[in-house]
């Protein structure tokens, strides 16, 4: 995100889509993002449910 003041809004949207226990996440504020005018960038990693757990 480019403005740390957006955290409360981002948190409220996050809680609309996820329930406890919440998935792991991290947030950082940056001066700018790659696409002009973009305010938030999201990166997600997923593992198919048929994959065995990592040990």
PDB file of N, CA and C in Angstrom:
ATOM      1  N   UNK A   1       0.843  -1.165   0.000  1.00  0.00           N
ATOM      2  CA  UNK A   1       0.000   0.000   0.000  1.00  0.00           C
ATOM      3  C   UNK A   1       0.891   1.230   0.000  1.00  0.00           C
ATOM      4  N   UNK A   2       0.340   2.318  -0.453  1.00  0.00           N
ATOM      5  CA  UNK A   2       1.151   3.538  -0.478  1.00  0.00           C
ATOM      6  C   UNK A   2       0.841   4.472   0.691  1.00  0.00           C
ATOM      7  N   UNK A   3      -0.216   4.173   1.444  1.00  0.00           N
ATOM      8  CA  UNK A   3      -0.561   5.021   2.593  1.00  0.00           C
ATOM      9  C   UNK A   3      -0.933   4.129   3.776  1.00  0.00           C
ATOM     10  N   UNK A   4      -0.123   4.138   4.803  1.00  0.00           N
ATOM     11  CA  UNK A   4      -0.349   3.295   5.981  1.00  0.00           C
ATOM     12  C   UNK A   4      -1.688   3.619   6.648  1.00  0.00           C
ATOM     13  N   UNK A   5      -2.224   4.800   6.395  1.00  0.00           N
ATOM     14  CA  UNK A   5      -3.528   5.178   6.948  1.00  0.00           C
ATOM     15  C   UNK A   5      -4.661   4.334   6.358  1.00  0.00           C
ATOM     16  N   UNK A   6      -4.399   3.596   5.277  1.00  0.00           N
ATOM     17  CA  UNK A   6      -5.412   2.730   4.663  1.00  0.00           C
ATOM     18  C   UNK A   6      -5.588   1.403   5.401  1.00  0.00           C
ATOM     19  N   UNK A   7      -4.751   1.120   6.395  1.00  0.00           N
ATOM     20  CA  UNK A   7      -4.818  -0.162   7.114  1.00  0.00           C
ATOM     21  C   UNK A   7      -6.222  -0.459   7.670  1.00  0.00           C
ATOM     22  N   UNK A   8      -6.914   0.469   8.327  1.00  0.00           N
ATOM     23  CA  UNK A   8      -8.253   0.134   8.835  1.00  0.00           C
ATOM     24  C   UNK A   8      -9.222  -0.292   7.726  1.00  0.00           C
ATOM     25  N   UNK A   9      -9.172   0.355   6.585  1.00  0.00           N
ATOM     26  CA  UNK A   9     -10.036  -0.018   5.464  1.00  0.00           C
ATOM     27  C   UNK A   9      -9.651  -1.393   4.925  1.00  0.00           C
ATOM     28  N   UNK A  10      -8.367  -1.627   4.759  1.00  0.00           N
ATOM     29  CA  UNK A  10      -7.888  -2.924   4.276  1.00  0.00           C
ATOM     30  C   UNK A  10      -8.290  -4.025   5.257  1.00  0.00           C
ATOM     31  N   UNK A  11      -8.157  -3.784   6.554  1.00  0.00           N
ATOM     32  CA  UNK A  11      -8.552  -4.764   7.568  1.00  0.00           C
ATOM     33  C   UNK A  11     -10.045  -5.083   7.495  1.00  0.00           C
ATOM     34  N   UNK A  12     -10.876  -4.073   7.295  1.00  0.00           N
ATOM     35  CA  UNK A  12     -12.322  -4.325   7.244  1.00  0.00           C
ATOM     36  C   UNK A  12     -12.694  -5.166   6.027  1.00  0.00           C
ATOM     37  N   UNK A  13     -12.063  -4.923   4.896  1.00  0.00           N
ATOM     38  CA  UNK A  13     -12.323  -5.730   3.699  1.00  0.00           C
ATOM     39  C   UNK A  13     -11.793  -7.144   3.911  1.00  0.00           C
ATOM     40  N   UNK A  14     -10.624  -7.274   4.497  1.00  0.00           N
ATOM     41  CA  UNK A  14     -10.012  -8.578   4.790  1.00  0.00           C
ATOM     42  C   UNK A  14     -10.967  -9.437   5.617  1.00  0.00           C
ATOM     43  N   UNK A  15     -11.573  -8.845   6.634  1.00  0.00           N
ATOM     44  CA  UNK A  15     -12.467  -9.590   7.527  1.00  0.00           C
ATOM     45  C   UNK A  15     -13.780  -9.988   6.851  1.00  0.00           C
ATOM     46  N   UNK A  16     -14.133  -9.321   5.744  1.00  0.00           N
ATOM     47  CA  UNK A  16     -15.318  -9.723   4.984  1.00  0.00           C
ATOM     48  C   UNK A  16     -15.094 -11.057   4.277  1.00  0.00           C
ATOM     49  N   UNK A  17     -13.857 -11.366   3.943  1.00  0.00           N
ATOM     50  CA  UNK A  17     -13.553 -12.548   3.143  1.00  0.00           C
ATOM     51  C   UNK A  17     -12.896 -13.678   3.927  1.00  0.00           C
ATOM     52  N   UNK A  18     -12.360 -13.400   5.108  1.00  0.00           N
ATOM     53  CA  UNK A  18     -11.670 -14.415   5.903  1.00  0.00           C
ATOM     54  C   UNK A  18     -12.230 -14.443   7.321  1.00  0.00           C
ATOM     55  N   UNK A  19     -12.270 -15.644   7.887  1.00  0.00           N
ATOM     56  CA  UNK A  19     -12.713 -15.835   9.270  1.00  0.00           C
ATOM     57  C   UNK A  19     -11.548 -16.338  10.105  1.00  0.00           C
ATOM     58  N   UNK A  20     -11.716 -16.316  11.427  1.00  0.00           N
ATOM     59  CA  UNK A  20     -10.686 -16.857  12.308  1.00  0.00           C
ATOM     60  C   UNK A  20     -10.636 -18.366  12.159  1.00  0.00           C
ATOM     61  N   UNK A  21      -9.516 -18.972  12.236  1.00  0.00           N
ATOM     62  CA  UNK A  21      -8.203 -18.337  12.360  1.00  0.00           C
ATOM     63  C   UNK A  21      -7.799 -17.691  11.036  1.00  0.00           C
ATOM     64  N   UNK A  22      -7.421 -16.435  11.104  1.00  0.00           N
ATOM     65  CA  UNK A  22      -7.068 -15.697   9.894  1.00  0.00           C
ATOM     66  C   UNK A  22      -5.802 -16.253   9.257  1.00  0.00           C
ATOM     67  N   UNK A  23      -5.757 -16.273   7.916  1.00  0.00           N
ATOM     68  CA  UNK A  23      -4.526 -16.690   7.234  1.00  0.00           C
ATOM     69  C   UNK A  23      -3.382 -15.723   7.556  1.00  0.00           C
ATOM     70  N   UNK A  24      -2.175 -16.222   7.459  1.00  0.00           N
ATOM     71  CA  UNK A  24      -0.997 -15.390   7.668  1.00  0.00           C
ATOM     72  C   UNK A  24      -0.963 -14.276   6.627  1.00  0.00           C
ATOM     73  N   UNK A  25      -0.506 -13.105   7.019  1.00  0.00           N
ATOM     74  CA  UNK A  25      -0.351 -11.997   6.070  1.00  0.00           C
ATOM     75  C   UNK A  25       0.653 -11.002   6.623  1.00  0.00           C
ATOM     76  N   UNK A  26       1.113 -10.157   5.757  1.00  0.00           N
ATOM     77  CA  UNK A  26       1.982  -9.060   6.177  1.00  0.00           C
ATOM     78  C   UNK A  26       1.618  -7.842   5.349  1.00  0.00           C
ATOM     79  N   UNK A  27       1.905  -6.674   5.877  1.00  0.00           N
ATOM     80  CA  UNK A  27       1.596  -5.423   5.186  1.00  0.00           C
ATOM     81  C   UNK A  27       2.793  -4.498   5.270  1.00  0.00           C
ATOM     82  N   UNK A  28       3.039  -3.798   4.178  1.00  0.00           N
ATOM     83  CA  UNK A  28       4.082  -2.775   4.165  1.00  0.00           C
ATOM     84  C   UNK A  28       3.551  -1.546   3.443  1.00  0.00           C
ATOM     85  N   UNK A  29       4.110  -0.406   3.762  1.00  0.00           N
ATOM     86  CA  UNK A  29       3.801   0.825   3.041  1.00  0.00           C
ATOM     87  C   UNK A  29       5.018   1.176   2.196  1.00  0.00           C
ATOM     88  N   UNK A  30       4.773   1.515   0.944  1.00  0.00           N
ATOM     89  CA  UNK A  30       5.846   1.877   0.019  1.00  0.00           C
ATOM     90  C   UNK A  30       5.548   3.249  -0.574  1.00  0.00           C
ATOM     91  N   UNK A  31       6.570   3.907  -1.029  1.00  0.00           N
ATOM     92  CA  UNK A  31       6.398   5.239  -1.612  1.00  0.00           C
ATOM     93  C   UNK A  31       5.558   5.186  -2.880  1.00  0.00           C
ATOM     94  N   UNK A  32       5.745   4.132  -3.680  1.00  0.00           N
ATOM     95  CA  UNK A  32       5.005   3.991  -4.933  1.00  0.00           C
ATOM     96  C   UNK A  32       4.944   2.520  -5.313  1.00  0.00           C
ATOM     97  N   UNK A  33       3.975   2.174  -6.164  1.00  0.00           N
ATOM     98  CA  UNK A  33       3.858   0.821  -6.690  1.00  0.00           C
ATOM     99  C   UNK A  33       4.115   0.867  -8.196  1.00  0.00           C
ATOM    100  N   UNK A  34       4.224  -0.284  -8.823  1.00  0.00           N
ATOM    101  CA  UNK A  34       4.624  -0.352 -10.233  1.00  0.00           C
ATOM    102  C   UNK A  34       3.631   0.340 -11.163  1.00  0.00           C
ATOM    103  N   UNK A  35       2.337   0.130 -10.949  1.00  0.00           N
ATOM    104  CA  UNK A  35       1.314   0.709 -11.819  1.00  0.00           C
ATOM    105  C   UNK A  35       0.933   2.089 -11.280  1.00  0.00           C
ATOM    106  N   UNK A  36       1.068   3.138 -12.089  1.00  0.00           N
ATOM    107  CA  UNK A  36       0.701   4.476 -11.629  1.00  0.00           C
ATOM    108  C   UNK A  36      -0.758   4.517 -11.161  1.00  0.00           C
ATOM    109  N   UNK A  37      -0.992   5.131 -10.014  1.00  0.00           N
ATOM    110  CA  UNK A  37      -2.333   5.252  -9.467  1.00  0.00           C
ATOM    111  C   UNK A  37      -2.765   4.073  -8.608  1.00  0.00           C
ATOM    112  N   UNK A  38      -2.010   2.989  -8.635  1.00  0.00           N
ATOM    113  CA  UNK A  38      -2.352   1.821  -7.828  1.00  0.00           C
ATOM    114  C   UNK A  38      -2.032   2.122  -6.365  1.00  0.00           C
ATOM    115  N   UNK A  39      -2.964   1.777  -5.456  1.00  0.00           N
ATOM    116  CA  UNK A  39      -2.776   2.072  -4.032  1.00  0.00           C
ATOM    117  C   UNK A  39      -2.423   0.840  -3.215  1.00  0.00           C
ATOM    118  N   UNK A  40      -2.814  -0.355  -3.703  1.00  0.00           N
ATOM    119  CA  UNK A  40      -2.579  -1.596  -2.970  1.00  0.00           C
ATOM    120  C   UNK A  40      -2.122  -2.666  -3.950  1.00  0.00           C
ATOM    121  N   UNK A  41      -1.147  -3.466  -3.544  1.00  0.00           N
ATOM    122  CA  UNK A  41      -0.703  -4.619  -4.328  1.00  0.00           C
ATOM    123  C   UNK A  41      -0.848  -5.850  -3.441  1.00  0.00           C
ATOM    124  N   UNK A  42      -1.415  -6.916  -4.005  1.00  0.00           N
ATOM    125  CA  UNK A  42      -1.628  -8.149  -3.245  1.00  0.00           C
ATOM    126  C   UNK A  42      -0.860  -9.282  -3.904  1.00  0.00           C
ATOM    127  N   UNK A  43      -0.121 -10.021  -3.098  1.00  0.00           N
ATOM    128  CA  UNK A  43       0.592 -11.221  -3.549  1.00  0.00           C
ATOM    129  C   UNK A  43       0.036 -12.378  -2.728  1.00  0.00           C
ATOM    130  N   UNK A  44      -0.343 -13.459  -3.393  1.00  0.00           N
ATOM    131  CA  UNK A  44      -0.912 -14.609  -2.685  1.00  0.00           C
ATOM    132  C   UNK A  44      -0.200 -15.888  -3.093  1.00  0.00           C
ATOM    133  N   UNK A  45      -0.048 -16.780  -2.143  1.00  0.00           N
ATOM    134  CA  UNK A  45       0.530 -18.101  -2.375  1.00  0.00           C
ATOM    135  C   UNK A  45      -0.501 -19.127  -1.922  1.00  0.00           C
ATOM    136  N   UNK A  46      -0.656 -20.190  -2.690  1.00  0.00           N
ATOM    137  CA  UNK A  46      -1.626 -21.225  -2.334  1.00  0.00           C
ATOM    138  C   UNK A  46      -1.043 -22.603  -2.607  1.00  0.00           C
ATOM    139  N   UNK A  47      -1.534 -23.579  -1.870  1.00  0.00           N
ATOM    140  CA  UNK A  47      -1.135 -24.975  -2.051  1.00  0.00           C
ATOM    141  C   UNK A  47      -2.419 -25.777  -2.261  1.00  0.00           C
ATOM    142  N   UNK A  48      -2.483 -26.583  -3.321  1.00  0.00           N
ATOM    143  CA  UNK A  48      -3.680 -27.404  -3.535  1.00  0.00           C
ATOM    144  C   UNK A  48      -3.931 -28.322  -2.339  1.00  0.00           C
ATOM    145  N   UNK A  49      -5.178 -28.551  -2.032  1.00  0.00           N
ATOM    146  CA  UNK A  49      -5.518 -29.359  -0.858  1.00  0.00           C
ATOM    147  C   UNK A  49      -5.061 -30.805  -0.980  1.00  0.00           C
ATOM    148  N   UNK A  50      -4.798 -31.288  -2.194  1.00  0.00           N
ATOM    149  CA  UNK A  50      -4.355 -32.677  -2.355  1.00  0.00           C
ATOM    150  C   UNK A  50      -2.848 -32.853  -2.132  1.00  0.00           C
ATOM    151  N   UNK A  51      -2.137 -31.769  -1.891  1.00  0.00           N
ATOM    152  CA  UNK A  51      -0.692 -31.859  -1.641  1.00  0.00           C
ATOM    153  C   UNK A  51      -0.443 -32.228  -0.175  1.00  0.00           C
ATOM    154  N   UNK A  52       0.544 -33.081   0.075  1.00  0.00           N
ATOM    155  CA  UNK A  52       0.857 -33.413   1.468  1.00  0.00           C
ATOM    156  C   UNK A  52       1.472 -32.206   2.179  1.00  0.00           C
ATOM    157  N   UNK A  53       1.302 -32.103   3.493  1.00  0.00           N
ATOM    158  CA  UNK A  53       1.894 -30.990   4.242  1.00  0.00           C
ATOM    159  C   UNK A  53       3.421 -31.011   4.149  1.00  0.00           C
ATOM    160  N   UNK A  54       4.003 -29.831   4.162  1.00  0.00           N
ATOM    161  CA  UNK A  54       5.462 -29.723   4.177  1.00  0.00           C
ATOM    162  C   UNK A  54       5.964 -30.035   5.578  1.00  0.00           C
ATOM    163  N   UNK A  55       7.075 -30.729   5.659  1.00  0.00           N
ATOM    164  CA  UNK A  55       7.629 -31.033   6.984  1.00  0.00           C
ATOM    165  C   UNK A  55       9.016 -30.463   7.119  1.00  0.00           C
TER     166      UNK A  55
END
